[in-house]
Amino acid sequence: MSPLCRCFVATVTMCLTVMASQLLAPRNVQLTSYNMDLRLKWSPPVNETCEVLYSTQLWPSFQKNPRAACVNTTALLCELSDPSLNLHISEFGRYKASVRGQCGAERSEWVESQVIVMDRDTVIGPPNVSLASSGADLEVIVRNPEFNISKLAFVYTPVQYNISYWPQGRQDRAVHLLVHQDRVTLDDLEPRTEYCVQVRVFVNPVRNSHPTVASEPVCATTEDSKVTARMCTPACARLHVHARMCMPACARLSL
């Protein structure tokens, strides 16, 4: 065999040896956002038996070079919005990220995620919902979900709320309202009846088309109708009795 051929064979053999010894890359690399956090997730290489250490990078769209994020971690997740990483995530930023593995002297290739635009792609979580009973009415009090960075009302204006309510056990009879207010009185309810309420945030789908997450149903029971008390008041006035003193008697009469 000529020296040239021997050199070619040796080069090919060396390349194959390097390729065979290279660590397989992480799989299923995905960038996600929930309530304006930013997370990079991935799966380990197939059939890897050693303990792989992972390093990650974040690529803001306005920078040429990536910024180091989680380094030498065994976790399959990097919280890129963690303040300790000092990455200064913006609520209107555009990002992609990458991850590679290392086992001893072997390293995998970097694997990139898809691109995320924070205000367009974050999933908006459920609001906090509480109920206050006032006679046969229920007041629904809504608090916006807490964002990891910024605030809901700053990023999405205007904010609306989809309110659904129904008698307990009869969700097929649900009534749906779309409102701007974060305190709403439901005044078309039956007295002494348990109602359940569920709320989800609604924002302009042009800004964010992902379905928002609904709150868990919150239930409360209405009291006696306020109409009974109002009907009683004129009679009390004729008797020169204070309305508050008259109401218990009227309530008994309405049973």
Protein backbone atom coordinates (compact mmCIF):
# COMPACT_ATOMS: atom_id res chain seq x y z
CA MET A 1 0.00 0.00 0.00
CA SER A 2 1.38 3.38 -0.95
CA PRO A 3 2.20 5.95 1.75
CA LEU A 4 -0.66 8.14 0.45
CA CYS A 5 -3.20 5.34 0.86
CA ARG A 6 -1.88 4.49 4.32
CA CYS A 7 -2.27 8.16 5.32
CA PHE A 8 -5.86 8.26 3.99
CA VAL A 9 -6.82 5.07 5.87
CA ALA A 10 -5.28 6.37 9.08
CA THR A 11 -7.20 9.66 8.77
CA VAL A 12 -10.52 7.90 8.17
CA THR A 13 -9.89 5.56 11.10
CA MET A 14 -9.12 8.50 13.38
CA CYS A 15 -12.29 10.33 12.31
CA LEU A 16 -14.43 7.25 12.91
CA THR A 17 -12.86 6.77 16.33
CA VAL A 18 -13.61 10.39 17.29
CA MET A 19 -17.19 10.10 16.03
CA ALA A 20 -17.72 6.85 17.91
CA SER A 21 -16.43 8.34 21.18
CA GLN A 22 -18.46 11.58 21.00
CA LEU A 23 -21.25 11.81 23.56
CA LEU A 24 -24.75 11.65 22.12
CA ALA A 25 -26.64 14.93 22.29
CA PRO A 26 -29.59 15.75 24.58
CA ARG A 27 -33.02 15.15 23.04
CA ASN A 28 -36.43 16.90 23.02
CA VAL A 29 -34.94 20.32 23.71
CA GLN A 30 -37.75 22.80 24.34
CA LEU A 31 -38.01 26.38 25.55
CA THR A 32 -41.22 27.14 27.48
CA SER A 33 -42.75 30.07 29.32
CA TYR A 34 -45.51 30.12 31.97
CA ASN A 35 -46.55 33.39 33.62
CA MET A 36 -43.49 35.08 32.11
CA ASP A 37 -40.89 32.64 33.39
CA LEU A 38 -38.44 31.08 30.92
CA ARG A 39 -37.39 27.42 31.11
CA LEU A 40 -35.25 25.16 28.97
CA LYS A 41 -36.13 21.47 29.20
CA TRP A 42 -34.56 18.41 27.58
CA SER A 43 -34.30 14.62 27.75
CA PRO A 44 -31.04 12.70 28.32
CA PRO A 45 -29.17 10.99 25.48
CA VAL A 46 -30.42 7.54 24.49
CA ASN A 47 -28.82 4.58 26.34
CA GLU A 48 -26.33 6.77 28.17
CA THR A 49 -24.97 5.00 31.27
CA CYS A 50 -22.69 7.65 32.77
CA GLU A 51 -23.82 10.67 34.80
CA VAL A 52 -24.08 13.44 32.23
CA LEU A 53 -23.44 17.05 33.19
CA TYR A 54 -25.31 19.64 31.15
CA SER A 55 -24.48 23.23 30.28
CA THR A 56 -26.91 25.70 28.74
CA GLN A 57 -26.77 29.00 26.88
CA LEU A 58 -29.32 31.71 26.17
CA TRP A 59 -29.41 33.63 22.88
CA PRO A 60 -31.23 36.98 23.04
CA SER A 61 -32.18 38.08 19.55
CA PHE A 62 -30.32 41.39 19.89
CA GLN A 63 -26.97 39.77 20.81
CA LYS A 64 -24.50 38.01 18.53
CA ASN A 65 -23.07 35.76 21.23
CA PRO A 66 -24.90 33.51 23.70
CA ARG A 67 -24.84 34.01 27.46
CA ALA A 68 -23.93 31.15 29.79
CA ALA A 69 -26.82 29.96 31.94
CA CYS A 70 -26.91 26.71 33.98
CA VAL A 71 -23.48 25.04 33.97
CA ASN A 72 -22.48 21.46 34.86
CA THR A 73 -25.90 20.48 36.19
CA THR A 74 -27.38 16.99 36.30
CA ALA A 75 -30.93 18.39 36.12
CA LEU A 76 -32.94 18.18 32.90
CA LEU A 77 -34.23 21.72 33.35
CA CYS A 78 -32.73 25.19 33.52
CA GLU A 79 -34.74 28.08 35.00
CA LEU A 80 -33.44 30.80 32.72
CA SER A 81 -35.55 33.46 34.46
CA ASP A 82 -33.93 32.71 37.83
CA PRO A 83 -32.58 36.08 39.03
CA SER A 84 -29.38 34.42 40.25
CA LEU A 85 -28.39 33.74 36.62
CA ASN A 86 -28.50 37.48 35.93
CA LEU A 87 -29.80 37.02 32.38
CA HIS A 88 -32.21 39.99 32.54
CA ILE A 89 -35.14 38.40 30.73
CA SER A 90 -37.45 40.97 29.12
CA GLU A 91 -41.24 40.59 28.95
CA PHE A 92 -41.06 41.56 25.27
CA GLY A 93 -37.84 39.69 24.45
CA ARG A 94 -37.18 37.12 21.74
CA TYR A 95 -35.03 34.16 22.79
CA LYS A 96 -33.67 30.77 21.91
CA ALA A 97 -31.46 28.53 24.04
CA SER A 98 -29.12 25.59 23.64
CA VAL A 99 -27.81 22.70 25.75
CA ARG A 100 -25.00 20.17 25.51
CA GLY A 101 -23.89 17.25 27.65
CA GLN A 102 -20.52 16.22 29.00
CA CYS A 103 -19.34 12.91 30.46
CA GLY A 104 -15.70 12.89 31.46
CA ALA A 105 -13.70 14.18 28.49
CA GLU A 106 -16.54 13.52 26.05
CA ARG A 107 -18.89 16.29 25.00
CA SER A 108 -21.97 16.31 22.83
CA GLU A 109 -22.88 18.85 20.22
CA TRP A 110 -24.92 21.88 21.21
CA VAL A 111 -28.65 21.39 20.54
CA GLU A 112 -30.77 24.49 20.00
CA SER A 113 -34.37 25.08 21.05
CA GLN A 114 -37.10 26.80 19.09
CA VAL A 115 -37.45 30.59 19.34
CA ILE A 116 -39.79 32.10 21.94
CA VAL A 117 -41.25 35.62 21.99
CA MET A 118 -42.16 36.17 25.61
CA ASP A 119 -45.40 38.19 25.37
CA ARG A 120 -46.61 36.13 22.41
CA ASP A 121 -45.76 32.65 23.69
CA THR A 122 -46.03 32.65 27.47
CA VAL A 123 -48.97 30.67 28.89
CA ILE A 124 -51.06 32.83 31.22
CA GLY A 125 -51.98 30.96 34.39
CA PRO A 126 -55.20 31.08 36.44
CA PRO A 127 -56.26 34.15 38.41
CA ASN A 128 -57.00 34.00 42.13
CA VAL A 129 -60.77 34.01 42.69
CA SER A 130 -62.78 34.58 45.87
CA LEU A 131 -66.53 34.98 46.48
CA ALA A 132 -68.50 37.15 48.89
CA SER A 133 -72.19 36.48 49.53
CA SER A 134 -74.62 39.38 49.87
CA GLY A 135 -78.20 38.17 50.12
CA ALA A 136 -79.05 36.32 46.93
CA ASP A 137 -76.10 37.94 45.13
CA LEU A 138 -72.50 36.78 44.90
CA GLU A 139 -69.60 39.15 44.41
CA VAL A 140 -66.72 37.70 42.40
CA ILE A 141 -63.31 39.14 43.30
CA VAL A 142 -60.49 38.43 40.83
CA ARG A 143 -56.77 38.94 41.34
CA ASN A 144 -54.45 38.65 38.36
CA PRO A 145 -51.92 35.81 38.22
CA GLU A 146 -48.45 36.75 39.47
CA PHE A 147 -45.92 37.06 36.66
CA ASN A 148 -42.30 36.05 37.12
CA ILE A 149 -41.28 39.32 35.50
CA SER A 150 -43.46 42.41 34.99
CA LYS A 151 -47.24 42.45 35.56
CA LEU A 152 -50.18 41.15 33.54
CA ALA A 153 -51.83 44.58 33.21
CA PHE A 154 -48.60 46.12 31.93
CA VAL A 155 -47.91 43.50 29.25
CA TYR A 156 -51.50 43.05 28.06
CA THR A 157 -53.85 46.02 27.95
CA PRO A 158 -56.78 45.82 28.28
CA VAL A 159 -57.20 42.71 30.42
CA GLN A 160 -60.61 41.02 30.47
CA TYR A 161 -62.02 38.09 32.42
CA ASN A 162 -64.17 35.19 31.27
CA ILE A 163 -66.44 34.40 34.23
CA SER A 164 -68.47 31.17 34.19
CA TYR A 165 -70.95 30.31 36.96
CA TRP A 166 -73.49 27.55 37.52
CA PRO A 167 -75.54 25.85 40.26
CA GLN A 168 -73.48 23.17 42.00
CA GLY A 169 -73.60 19.94 40.00
CA ARG A 170 -75.13 21.62 36.93
CA GLN A 171 -72.17 22.87 34.90
CA ASP A 172 -74.25 22.22 31.78
CA ARG A 173 -76.28 25.28 32.82
CA ALA A 174 -73.24 27.55 33.06
CA VAL A 175 -73.62 31.25 32.28
CA HIS A 176 -70.62 33.01 30.72
CA LEU A 177 -69.66 36.68 31.06
CA LEU A 178 -66.79 38.64 29.54
CA VAL A 179 -65.98 41.66 31.72
CA HIS A 180 -63.27 44.26 32.30
CA GLN A 181 -63.87 44.66 36.03
CA ASP A 182 -62.03 42.59 38.62
CA ARG A 183 -65.03 42.79 41.00
CA VAL A 184 -68.37 41.68 39.56
CA THR A 185 -71.72 41.10 41.25
CA LEU A 186 -73.82 38.18 40.03
CA ASP A 187 -77.40 39.30 40.71
CA ASP A 188 -79.46 36.76 38.77
CA LEU A 189 -79.04 33.91 41.27
CA GLU A 190 -81.54 31.88 43.25
CA PRO A 191 -81.54 32.39 47.03
CA ARG A 192 -80.16 29.65 49.32
CA THR A 193 -78.48 27.91 46.39
CA GLU A 194 -74.86 26.85 46.02
CA TYR A 195 -73.13 28.27 42.94
CA CYS A 196 -69.68 27.57 41.54
CA VAL A 197 -67.58 30.16 39.72
CA GLN A 198 -64.60 29.72 37.40
CA VAL A 199 -62.53 32.51 35.84
CA ARG A 200 -59.87 32.74 33.17
CA VAL A 201 -57.95 35.75 31.90
CA PHE A 202 -58.73 36.91 28.37
CA VAL A 203 -56.22 38.93 26.34
CA ASN A 204 -56.21 40.00 22.72
CA PRO A 205 -55.41 36.82 20.71
CA VAL A 206 -53.33 38.92 18.33
CA ARG A 207 -50.95 39.49 21.26
CA ASN A 208 -51.09 35.97 22.67
CA SER A 209 -53.11 33.17 21.07
CA HIS A 210 -52.32 30.46 23.63
CA PRO A 211 -55.32 29.31 25.72
CA THR A 212 -55.15 30.75 29.23
CA VAL A 213 -55.51 28.47 32.26
CA ALA A 214 -58.84 28.58 34.12
CA SER A 215 -59.01 28.87 37.89
CA GLU A 216 -60.27 25.98 39.97
CA PRO A 217 -64.03 26.32 40.60
CA VAL A 218 -64.86 28.22 43.79
CA CYS A 219 -68.30 27.63 45.34
CA ALA A 220 -70.51 29.55 47.79
CA THR A 221 -74.14 29.52 48.87
CA THR A 222 -76.44 32.51 48.40
CA GLU A 223 -78.50 33.78 51.30
CA ASP A 224 -82.17 34.78 51.47
CA SER A 225 -83.33 37.15 48.75
CA LYS A 226 -82.83 40.85 49.41
CA VAL A 227 -86.20 41.49 47.74
CA THR A 228 -87.97 40.13 50.83
CA ALA A 229 -86.26 42.71 53.01
CA ARG A 230 -87.13 45.53 50.65
CA MET A 231 -90.76 44.44 50.56
CA CYS A 232 -90.83 44.41 54.34
CA THR A 233 -89.40 47.91 54.81
CA PRO A 234 -92.59 49.91 53.93
CA ALA A 235 -94.63 47.91 56.44
CA CYS A 236 -92.00 48.51 59.09
CA ALA A 237 -92.02 52.21 58.31
CA ARG A 238 -95.80 52.38 58.89
CA LEU A 239 -95.27 50.70 62.24
CA HIS A 240 -92.36 53.07 63.03
CA VAL A 241 -90.03 50.08 63.37
CA HIS A 242 -86.43 50.18 62.13
CA ALA A 243 -85.97 48.05 58.99
CA ARG A 244 -83.14 46.03 60.54
CA MET A 245 -85.47 44.99 63.35
CA CYS A 246 -88.13 44.03 60.85
CA MET A 247 -85.97 41.87 58.56
CA PRO A 248 -85.83 38.71 60.74
CA ALA A 249 -89.61 38.62 60.94
CA CYS A 250 -89.89 39.15 57.19
CA ALA A 251 -87.42 36.36 56.58
CA ARG A 252 -89.57 34.04 58.63
CA LEU A 253 -92.63 35.07 56.66
CA SER A 254 -90.85 34.28 53.38
CA LEU A 255 -90.11 30.68 54.33
